[in-house]
Amino acid sequence: MRFADAVAFVEGRGVSSFVEIGPDGVLSGMARQSVVSESAVFVPFLRRNRPEAVTAVTALGRLHVAGVPVDWSRLYEGSGARRIDLPTYAFQRERFWLESVGGGDAG
């Protein structure tokens, strides 16, 4: 009962994104039942029997998609990774079609 009260209290203060840091995602499921908002996000940062690094980055991605600001530069700091601009059109400035060489005998 106190857990549900605590989650409802925090939600009442405007919190809509919840991160669970624990050995599994059990509390995230319980907390979902304690909020009124359908748009609240619950993200477990660790999951049992899953690699920690993959699970943590997946959790950050889920938070990012939900509109929570994530400082991605800090995540990749010191790794040598760099930002690149993606093309605005998938095939911009590159032609992927074969050039026509004229008709020929298909037989």
Protein backbone atom coordinates (compact mmCIF):
# COMPACT_ATOMS: atom_id res chain seq x y z
CA MET A 1 0.00 0.00 0.00
CA ARG A 2 2.79 2.49 0.83
CA PHE A 3 4.50 1.87 -2.52
CA ALA A 4 1.35 2.79 -4.45
CA ASP A 5 0.92 5.90 -2.28
CA ALA A 6 4.51 6.97 -2.96
CA VAL A 7 4.15 6.53 -6.73
CA ALA A 8 0.83 8.42 -6.75
CA PHE A 9 2.40 11.21 -4.67
CA VAL A 10 5.30 11.61 -7.10
CA GLU A 11 2.94 11.54 -10.08
CA GLY A 12 0.87 14.24 -8.40
CA ARG A 13 3.98 16.42 -8.37
CA GLY A 14 4.25 16.20 -12.16
CA VAL A 15 6.59 13.25 -12.64
CA SER A 16 5.67 11.18 -15.68
CA SER A 17 8.88 9.21 -16.31
CA PHE A 18 10.02 6.57 -13.85
CA VAL A 19 13.34 4.69 -13.92
CA GLU A 20 13.73 1.52 -11.90
CA ILE A 21 17.25 0.72 -10.81
CA GLY A 22 17.19 -2.75 -9.34
CA PRO A 23 17.85 -6.38 -10.20
CA ASP A 24 14.74 -6.77 -12.37
CA GLY A 25 11.75 -4.82 -13.69
CA VAL A 26 9.18 -5.97 -11.13
CA LEU A 27 8.56 -2.54 -9.57
CA SER A 28 7.98 -0.92 -12.96
CA GLY A 29 5.03 -3.23 -13.51
CA MET A 30 3.67 -2.56 -10.05
CA ALA A 31 4.09 1.20 -10.42
CA ARG A 32 2.14 1.19 -13.70
CA GLN A 33 -0.91 0.11 -11.70
CA SER A 34 -0.47 3.03 -9.27
CA VAL A 35 -0.66 5.96 -11.71
CA VAL A 36 -3.58 7.72 -13.34
CA SER A 37 -1.82 8.94 -16.49
CA GLU A 38 -1.83 6.66 -19.52
CA SER A 39 1.26 8.42 -20.88
CA ALA A 40 3.50 7.71 -17.87
CA VAL A 41 6.69 5.87 -18.80
CA PHE A 42 8.24 3.12 -16.66
CA VAL A 43 11.69 1.90 -17.64
CA PRO A 44 13.69 -0.76 -15.80
CA PHE A 45 17.41 -0.04 -16.12
CA LEU A 46 18.46 -3.64 -15.42
CA ARG A 47 16.80 -6.93 -16.33
CA ARG A 48 17.53 -10.41 -15.05
CA ASN A 49 19.51 -12.66 -17.42
CA ARG A 50 20.19 -9.84 -19.90
CA PRO A 51 23.50 -8.04 -20.54
CA GLU A 52 23.70 -4.91 -18.37
CA ALA A 53 25.21 -2.61 -21.02
CA VAL A 54 22.62 -3.51 -23.66
CA THR A 55 19.75 -3.18 -21.19
CA ALA A 56 20.98 0.18 -19.90
CA VAL A 57 21.37 1.67 -23.40
CA THR A 58 17.96 0.28 -24.37
CA ALA A 59 16.47 1.98 -21.30
CA LEU A 60 18.09 5.28 -22.29
CA GLY A 61 16.66 4.87 -25.79
CA ARG A 62 13.18 4.25 -24.43
CA LEU A 63 13.44 7.35 -22.26
CA HIS A 64 14.69 9.41 -25.21
CA VAL A 65 11.77 8.28 -27.39
CA ALA A 66 9.39 9.21 -24.57
CA GLY A 67 10.74 12.78 -24.60
CA VAL A 68 13.15 12.61 -21.67
CA PRO A 69 16.36 14.52 -22.49
CA VAL A 70 19.36 12.16 -22.65
CA ASP A 71 22.93 13.49 -22.91
CA TRP A 72 24.19 11.06 -25.56
CA SER A 73 27.57 12.83 -25.79
CA ARG A 74 28.34 11.75 -22.21
CA LEU A 75 27.49 8.15 -23.04
CA TYR A 76 29.97 8.06 -25.92
CA GLU A 77 32.62 10.27 -24.28
CA GLY A 78 36.10 8.84 -24.79
CA SER A 79 34.94 6.15 -27.23
CA GLY A 80 36.01 7.97 -30.39
CA ALA A 81 32.43 8.05 -31.66
CA ARG A 82 31.44 11.20 -33.52
CA ARG A 83 28.24 12.73 -34.86
CA ILE A 84 27.59 12.70 -38.57
CA ASP A 85 24.87 14.34 -40.60
CA LEU A 86 22.49 11.96 -42.26
CA PRO A 87 21.29 12.72 -45.78
CA THR A 88 17.88 14.32 -45.99
CA TYR A 89 16.99 11.98 -48.84
CA ALA A 90 18.01 8.33 -48.85
CA PHE A 91 19.75 8.34 -52.25
CA GLN A 92 20.95 11.93 -52.37
CA ARG A 93 23.93 12.46 -54.71
CA GLU A 94 24.43 8.75 -55.33
CA ARG A 95 23.04 6.84 -58.25
CA PHE A 96 22.30 3.17 -57.67
CA TRP A 97 20.79 2.30 -61.08
CA LEU A 98 22.66 0.49 -63.81
CA GLU A 99 23.37 2.52 -66.92
CA SER A 100 21.55 1.41 -70.05
CA VAL A 101 23.92 -0.06 -72.65
CA GLY A 102 21.36 -0.53 -75.35
CA GLY A 103 19.24 -3.44 -76.49
CA GLY A 104 20.59 -6.88 -77.09
CA ASP A 105 19.51 -10.39 -77.96
CA ALA A 106 18.04 -12.03 -74.86
CA GLY A 107 18.09 -15.41 -76.60
